[in-house]
Amino acid sequence: MNKLILQTERLLIRNLQLPDLADFHAYRSDPEVTKYQGFDVFSIKQAEDFIKEQTDKEFGKAGEWVQYGVESKVTGKLIGDCAIKLDRHDTRLAEIGITISPGEQRKGYAKETLLSILDFLFSLDDFHRVTETVDAENIASIQLLKSVGFRQEGHFIENIFFKGKWGSEYQYAMLKSEWLYLKK
């Protein structure tokens, strides 16, 4: 296990740190950002506690979500975060998620982050499959997943009681063999 640091042309993906607090809280306290997320708006204290909990987490522990900051190389500011969870029973499988600050959306950062995570995971020996479960109403995330080659595998209808109502979700997945084919 080790600290994960990924770099793209414009982004640094690394552990969250306390200096990220203001930027992290700014978007994690926005109801529009949390609309389709498994969490609700964060207070400043919840944001600080969450960052403290994530700061020293290392990649590779089965069944544990690790949240990483997505930092702009140009500004040095946190513009979002992403998460990876290796399956509890089989670390060749992972689930992922990405959140980008509203002011930084529609600039390709989510796609750049997603491609970097996929490159990393599928470079691991014996790694097999990545999934993402997305709210059926989250059109932007669905389009993102499709744009990089994820397949829709499931449509779960009113499977989750979420923020006061029943919600539906889609599951998307990609196999290492599909990723390697797409990269040709």
Protein backbone atom coordinates (compact mmCIF):
# COMPACT_ATOMS: atom_id res chain seq x y z
CA MET A 1 0.00 0.00 0.00
CA ASN A 2 1.17 3.51 -0.69
CA LYS A 3 0.10 7.09 -1.20
CA LEU A 4 -1.40 7.53 -4.63
CA ILE A 5 -0.29 10.50 -6.74
CA LEU A 6 -1.42 10.77 -10.36
CA GLN A 7 -0.58 13.57 -12.76
CA THR A 8 -2.23 14.62 -15.97
CA GLU A 9 -1.47 17.54 -18.24
CA ARG A 10 -3.55 19.91 -16.08
CA LEU A 11 -4.21 18.04 -12.84
CA LEU A 12 -2.56 16.59 -9.77
CA ILE A 13 -4.57 13.81 -8.09
CA ARG A 14 -3.34 13.30 -4.54
CA ASN A 15 -4.47 12.82 -0.95
CA LEU A 16 -6.67 15.53 0.50
CA GLN A 17 -4.88 17.92 2.88
CA LEU A 18 -6.09 20.46 5.46
CA PRO A 19 -5.05 23.43 3.25
CA ASP A 20 -7.78 22.15 0.84
CA LEU A 21 -10.49 22.85 3.42
CA ALA A 22 -11.88 26.13 2.04
CA ASP A 23 -12.04 24.90 -1.56
CA PHE A 24 -13.37 21.46 -0.53
CA HIS A 25 -16.06 22.94 1.70
CA ALA A 26 -17.11 25.48 -0.95
CA TYR A 27 -18.33 22.80 -3.34
CA ARG A 28 -19.21 20.07 -0.84
CA SER A 29 -21.62 22.50 0.87
CA ASP A 30 -23.42 23.26 -2.41
CA PRO A 31 -26.80 21.45 -2.67
CA GLU A 32 -26.46 21.26 -6.47
CA VAL A 33 -23.16 19.37 -6.09
CA THR A 34 -24.57 16.93 -3.56
CA LYS A 35 -27.86 16.42 -5.44
CA TYR A 36 -26.82 13.05 -6.89
CA GLN A 37 -24.16 12.14 -4.34
CA GLY A 38 -24.35 9.62 -1.53
CA PHE A 39 -23.58 12.43 0.92
CA ASP A 40 -25.44 15.59 1.82
CA VAL A 41 -24.08 19.13 2.16
CA PHE A 42 -21.07 19.36 4.46
CA SER A 43 -20.67 21.79 7.32
CA ILE A 44 -17.16 23.25 7.69
CA LYS A 45 -16.58 20.89 10.65
CA GLN A 46 -17.73 17.84 8.65
CA ALA A 47 -15.46 18.88 5.77
CA GLU A 48 -12.49 19.28 8.13
CA ASP A 49 -13.14 15.93 9.82
CA PHE A 50 -13.50 14.22 6.43
CA ILE A 51 -10.20 15.65 5.18
CA LYS A 52 -8.43 14.64 8.42
CA GLU A 53 -9.81 11.10 8.00
CA GLN A 54 -8.59 10.88 4.38
CA THR A 55 -5.20 12.65 4.58
CA ASP A 56 -3.11 9.61 5.47
CA LYS A 57 -5.13 6.90 3.74
CA GLU A 58 -3.18 4.75 1.35
CA PHE A 59 -4.34 3.07 -1.82
CA GLY A 60 -4.79 -0.68 -1.73
CA LYS A 61 -6.88 -1.59 1.30
CA ALA A 62 -9.76 -3.87 0.32
CA GLY A 63 -13.24 -2.48 0.94
CA GLU A 64 -12.11 1.04 1.89
CA TRP A 65 -13.05 4.20 -0.02
CA VAL A 66 -10.10 6.56 -0.41
CA GLN A 67 -10.94 10.11 -1.47
CA TYR A 68 -8.31 12.03 -3.44
CA GLY A 69 -8.09 15.73 -4.15
CA VAL A 70 -8.11 16.93 -7.75
CA GLU A 71 -5.84 19.97 -7.89
CA SER A 72 -5.35 22.36 -10.79
CA LYS A 73 -1.64 22.54 -11.66
CA VAL A 74 -2.13 26.11 -12.91
CA THR A 75 -3.78 27.57 -9.79
CA GLY A 76 -2.72 25.06 -7.11
CA LYS A 77 -6.36 25.05 -5.98
CA LEU A 78 -8.53 22.04 -5.25
CA ILE A 79 -11.16 21.83 -8.01
CA GLY A 80 -12.75 18.53 -7.03
CA ASP A 81 -12.17 15.10 -5.64
CA CYS A 82 -12.38 11.50 -6.71
CA ALA A 83 -12.62 8.20 -4.91
CA ILE A 84 -11.52 4.63 -5.44
CA LYS A 85 -12.72 1.62 -3.48
CA LEU A 86 -11.20 -1.77 -4.09
CA ASP A 87 -13.70 -4.58 -3.65
CA ARG A 88 -13.80 -6.04 -0.16
CA HIS A 89 -13.41 -9.60 -1.41
CA ASP A 90 -11.38 -9.15 -4.60
CA THR A 91 -8.92 -6.28 -5.07
CA ARG A 92 -8.91 -6.84 -8.83
CA LEU A 93 -12.26 -5.01 -8.85
CA ALA A 94 -12.90 -1.34 -8.00
CA GLU A 95 -15.67 1.20 -7.77
CA ILE A 96 -14.93 4.86 -8.48
CA GLY A 97 -16.55 8.28 -8.18
CA ILE A 98 -15.72 11.88 -9.16
CA THR A 99 -16.96 15.27 -7.95
CA ILE A 100 -15.92 18.52 -9.65
CA SER A 101 -16.60 22.01 -8.28
CA PRO A 102 -19.39 23.79 -10.20
CA GLY A 103 -17.12 26.61 -11.36
CA GLU A 104 -14.74 24.06 -12.89
CA GLN A 105 -17.32 21.85 -14.60
CA ARG A 106 -17.59 21.59 -18.40
CA LYS A 107 -13.83 22.07 -18.81
CA GLY A 108 -12.95 18.40 -19.24
CA TYR A 109 -11.54 17.93 -15.74
CA ALA A 110 -13.86 15.05 -14.81
CA LYS A 111 -12.91 13.20 -18.00
CA GLU A 112 -9.21 13.88 -17.45
CA THR A 113 -9.52 12.59 -13.88
CA LEU A 114 -11.47 9.52 -14.96
CA LEU A 115 -8.97 8.62 -17.71
CA SER A 116 -6.08 8.99 -15.26
CA ILE A 117 -7.76 6.70 -12.72
CA LEU A 118 -8.51 4.11 -15.40
CA ASP A 119 -4.92 4.26 -16.71
CA PHE A 120 -3.66 3.70 -13.17
CA LEU A 121 -6.02 0.88 -12.22
CA PHE A 122 -5.70 -1.02 -15.47
CA SER A 123 -1.90 -0.80 -15.27
CA LEU A 124 -1.98 -2.90 -12.10
CA ASP A 125 -1.12 -6.57 -12.51
CA ASP A 126 -4.21 -8.76 -12.70
CA PHE A 127 -6.59 -5.81 -12.28
CA HIS A 128 -9.87 -6.72 -14.00
CA ARG A 129 -12.87 -4.37 -13.70
CA VAL A 130 -14.06 -0.87 -12.73
CA THR A 131 -17.66 0.06 -11.95
CA GLU A 132 -19.54 3.23 -11.17
CA THR A 133 -23.10 3.47 -9.92
CA VAL A 134 -24.82 6.69 -10.94
CA ASP A 135 -28.19 8.28 -10.23
CA ALA A 136 -30.45 7.71 -13.24
CA GLU A 137 -31.13 11.47 -13.40
CA ASN A 138 -27.44 12.46 -13.43
CA ILE A 139 -27.18 12.99 -17.19
CA ALA A 140 -23.72 14.65 -17.09
CA SER A 141 -22.15 11.66 -15.30
CA ILE A 142 -23.89 9.19 -17.60
CA GLN A 143 -22.57 11.03 -20.66
CA LEU A 144 -19.07 11.11 -19.17
CA LEU A 145 -19.04 7.36 -18.53
CA LYS A 146 -20.33 6.57 -22.02
CA SER A 147 -17.79 8.95 -23.60
CA VAL A 148 -14.86 6.90 -22.29
CA GLY A 149 -16.37 3.52 -23.17
CA PHE A 150 -18.20 2.34 -20.05
CA ARG A 151 -21.08 -0.05 -20.67
CA GLN A 152 -24.40 0.19 -18.86
CA GLU A 153 -24.89 -3.13 -17.08
CA GLY A 154 -27.85 -2.48 -14.88
CA HIS A 155 -30.83 -0.24 -14.29
CA PHE A 156 -32.04 -0.44 -10.72
CA ILE A 157 -35.51 1.06 -10.45
CA GLU A 158 -36.36 2.82 -7.18
CA ASN A 159 -33.70 0.71 -5.45
CA ILE A 160 -32.54 3.33 -2.98
CA PHE A 161 -34.36 5.65 -0.58
CA PHE A 162 -32.28 8.73 -1.08
CA LYS A 163 -32.71 12.26 0.29
CA GLY A 164 -36.37 11.76 1.09
CA LYS A 165 -37.51 9.85 -2.00
CA TRP A 166 -37.01 6.63 -3.89
CA GLY A 167 -34.29 6.90 -6.52
CA SER A 168 -33.18 4.81 -9.46
CA GLU A 169 -29.60 4.09 -10.46
CA TYR A 170 -27.58 2.77 -13.37
CA GLN A 171 -24.49 0.67 -13.04
CA TYR A 172 -21.73 1.15 -15.58
CA ALA A 173 -18.61 -0.98 -15.92
CA MET A 174 -15.45 -1.42 -17.91
CA LEU A 175 -13.15 -4.44 -18.13
CA LYS A 176 -9.40 -4.22 -18.51
CA SER A 177 -9.69 -6.00 -21.87
CA GLU A 178 -12.15 -3.33 -23.07
CA TRP A 179 -9.84 -0.54 -21.88
CA LEU A 180 -6.85 -2.04 -23.66
CA TYR A 181 -8.92 -2.38 -26.83
CA LEU A 182 -10.03 1.26 -26.62
CA LYS A 183 -6.45 2.41 -26.05
CA LYS A 184 -5.24 0.83 -29.34
